[in-house]
Amino acid sequence: MAQGKLKVKSKLPTGTKTKKGKGKPVTKRNNAPVKSKNIAVERNKMKAKVTKMVNAQAEQQLRALATSSGELSAAQQHVAKAPKAPAPAK
């Protein structure tokens, strides 16, 4: 059994302004030209290639710099001179 009061629709008082609809909503045309996705795909591929080449070149330069300089930095020399801890006995 339903309990409570029934909902009653209220009416606006006379003399109040009501909103008018703005017309039909914008919809997609059925005969709209198909947008090409090739341009975006090519652009993303080109960006990926450039990024890959730049990263490879930077890594190559860093590796060459690291292997060519035989000298240790001041911090590395300090660590090399530090006494080593004895190995724990089992």
C-alpha atoms as a PDB file:
ATOM      1  CA  MET A   1       0.000   0.000   0.000  1.00  0.00           C
ATOM      2  CA  ALA A   2       1.210   3.445  -0.866  1.00  0.00           C
ATOM      3  CA  GLN A   3       1.706   5.745   2.048  1.00  0.00           C
ATOM      4  CA  GLY A   4       2.016   9.496   2.106  1.00  0.00           C
ATOM      5  CA  LYS A   5       0.514  12.226   0.041  1.00  0.00           C
ATOM      6  CA  LEU A   6       0.359  12.188  -3.721  1.00  0.00           C
ATOM      7  CA  LYS A   7       2.563  14.711  -5.465  1.00  0.00           C
ATOM      8  CA  VAL A   8       0.642  17.618  -6.899  1.00  0.00           C
ATOM      9  CA  LYS A   9       2.135  19.606  -9.775  1.00  0.00           C
ATOM     10  CA  SER A  10       2.219  23.266  -8.888  1.00  0.00           C
ATOM     11  CA  LYS A  11       1.381  25.950 -11.397  1.00  0.00           C
ATOM     12  CA  LEU A  12       3.363  29.162 -11.847  1.00  0.00           C
ATOM     13  CA  PRO A  13       1.590  32.296 -10.849  1.00  0.00           C
ATOM     14  CA  THR A  14       0.156  34.341 -13.689  1.00  0.00           C
ATOM     15  CA  GLY A  15       2.409  37.057 -15.051  1.00  0.00           C
ATOM     16  CA  THR A  16       5.724  35.197 -14.572  1.00  0.00           C
ATOM     17  CA  LYS A  17       8.089  34.866 -17.485  1.00  0.00           C
ATOM     18  CA  THR A  18       8.984  31.423 -18.753  1.00  0.00           C
ATOM     19  CA  LYS A  19      12.159  30.378 -20.504  1.00  0.00           C
ATOM     20  CA  LYS A  20      11.941  29.631 -24.177  1.00  0.00           C
ATOM     21  CA  GLY A  21      13.868  26.797 -25.771  1.00  0.00           C
ATOM     22  CA  LYS A  22      16.952  27.724 -27.784  1.00  0.00           C
ATOM     23  CA  GLY A  23      15.964  25.568 -30.735  1.00  0.00           C
ATOM     24  CA  LYS A  24      17.410  22.298 -31.882  1.00  0.00           C
ATOM     25  CA  PRO A  25      20.658  21.162 -30.312  1.00  0.00           C
ATOM     26  CA  VAL A  26      23.675  20.941 -32.580  1.00  0.00           C
ATOM     27  CA  THR A  27      23.946  17.499 -34.089  1.00  0.00           C
ATOM     28  CA  LYS A  28      26.513  15.864 -36.288  1.00  0.00           C
ATOM     29  CA  ARG A  29      25.825  16.091 -39.984  1.00  0.00           C
ATOM     30  CA  ASN A  30      25.219  12.826 -41.761  1.00  0.00           C
ATOM     31  CA  ASN A  31      27.133  13.950 -44.827  1.00  0.00           C
ATOM     32  CA  ALA A  32      30.043  15.627 -43.008  1.00  0.00           C
ATOM     33  CA  PRO A  33      33.442  14.982 -44.606  1.00  0.00           C
ATOM     34  CA  VAL A  34      35.564  12.368 -42.872  1.00  0.00           C
ATOM     35  CA  LYS A  35      38.524  13.888 -41.073  1.00  0.00           C
ATOM     36  CA  SER A  36      41.803  12.248 -41.925  1.00  0.00           C
ATOM     37  CA  LYS A  37      43.674  10.685 -39.020  1.00  0.00           C
ATOM     38  CA  ASN A  38      46.783  10.141 -41.127  1.00  0.00           C
ATOM     39  CA  ILE A  39      48.180  13.586 -40.347  1.00  0.00           C
ATOM     40  CA  ALA A  40      48.011  13.044 -36.589  1.00  0.00           C
ATOM     41  CA  VAL A  41      49.440   9.535 -36.882  1.00  0.00           C
ATOM     42  CA  GLU A  42      52.339  10.727 -39.034  1.00  0.00           C
ATOM     43  CA  ARG A  43      53.032  13.611 -36.640  1.00  0.00           C
ATOM     44  CA  ASN A  44      53.151  11.250 -33.648  1.00  0.00           C
ATOM     45  CA  LYS A  45      55.459   8.862 -35.503  1.00  0.00           C
ATOM     46  CA  MET A  46      57.776  11.730 -36.419  1.00  0.00           C
ATOM     47  CA  LYS A  47      57.851  12.962 -32.809  1.00  0.00           C
ATOM     48  CA  ALA A  48      58.669   9.469 -31.584  1.00  0.00           C
ATOM     49  CA  LYS A  49      61.525   9.129 -34.100  1.00  0.00           C
ATOM     50  CA  VAL A  50      63.009  12.498 -33.159  1.00  0.00           C
ATOM     51  CA  THR A  51      62.767  11.716 -29.439  1.00  0.00           C
ATOM     52  CA  LYS A  52      64.395   8.337 -29.949  1.00  0.00           C
ATOM     53  CA  MET A  53      67.263   9.821 -31.975  1.00  0.00           C
ATOM     54  CA  VAL A  54      67.873  12.620 -29.461  1.00  0.00           C
ATOM     55  CA  ASN A  55      67.885  10.186 -26.535  1.00  0.00           C
ATOM     56  CA  ALA A  56      70.242   7.810 -28.354  1.00  0.00           C
ATOM     57  CA  GLN A  57      72.641  10.639 -29.177  1.00  0.00           C
ATOM     58  CA  ALA A  58      72.601  11.948 -25.600  1.00  0.00           C
ATOM     59  CA  GLU A  59      73.239   8.469 -24.209  1.00  0.00           C
ATOM     60  CA  GLN A  60      76.094   7.940 -26.662  1.00  0.00           C
ATOM     61  CA  GLN A  61      77.709  11.219 -25.620  1.00  0.00           C
ATOM     62  CA  LEU A  62      77.377  10.400 -21.930  1.00  0.00           C
ATOM     63  CA  ARG A  63      78.853   6.932 -22.408  1.00  0.00           C
ATOM     64  CA  ALA A  64      81.786   8.349 -24.379  1.00  0.00           C
ATOM     65  CA  LEU A  65      82.410  10.950 -21.708  1.00  0.00           C
ATOM     66  CA  ALA A  66      82.238   8.387 -18.914  1.00  0.00           C
ATOM     67  CA  THR A  67      84.573   5.875 -20.572  1.00  0.00           C
ATOM     68  CA  SER A  68      87.101   8.289 -22.043  1.00  0.00           C
ATOM     69  CA  SER A  69      87.968  10.173 -18.864  1.00  0.00           C
ATOM     70  CA  GLY A  70      90.185   7.920 -16.814  1.00  0.00           C
ATOM     71  CA  GLU A  71      90.487  10.439 -14.011  1.00  0.00           C
ATOM     72  CA  LEU A  72      88.336  10.170 -10.922  1.00  0.00           C
ATOM     73  CA  SER A  73      86.494  13.137  -9.525  1.00  0.00           C
ATOM     74  CA  ALA A  74      87.338  14.453  -6.065  1.00  0.00           C
ATOM     75  CA  ALA A  75      84.372  12.674  -4.510  1.00  0.00           C
ATOM     76  CA  GLN A  76      85.284   9.401  -6.207  1.00  0.00           C
ATOM     77  CA  GLN A  77      88.905   9.689  -5.006  1.00  0.00           C
ATOM     78  CA  HIS A  78      87.717  10.322  -1.451  1.00  0.00           C
ATOM     79  CA  VAL A  79      85.545   7.201  -1.541  1.00  0.00           C
ATOM     80  CA  ALA A  80      88.372   5.129  -3.026  1.00  0.00           C
ATOM     81  CA  LYS A  81      90.772   6.155  -0.219  1.00  0.00           C
ATOM     82  CA  ALA A  82      88.245   5.407   2.555  1.00  0.00           C
ATOM     83  CA  PRO A  83      88.980   2.282   4.647  1.00  0.00           C
ATOM     84  CA  LYS A  84      86.828  -0.721   3.865  1.00  0.00           C
ATOM     85  CA  ALA A  85      84.786  -2.470   6.535  1.00  0.00           C
ATOM     86  CA  PRO A  86      85.764  -6.070   7.240  1.00  0.00           C
ATOM     87  CA  ALA A  87      83.465  -8.777   5.951  1.00  0.00           C
ATOM     88  CA  PRO A  88      81.179 -10.232   8.640  1.00  0.00           C
ATOM     89  CA  ALA A  89      82.131 -13.731   9.821  1.00  0.00           C
ATOM     90  CA  LYS A  90      79.570 -16.454   9.464  1.00  0.00           C
END
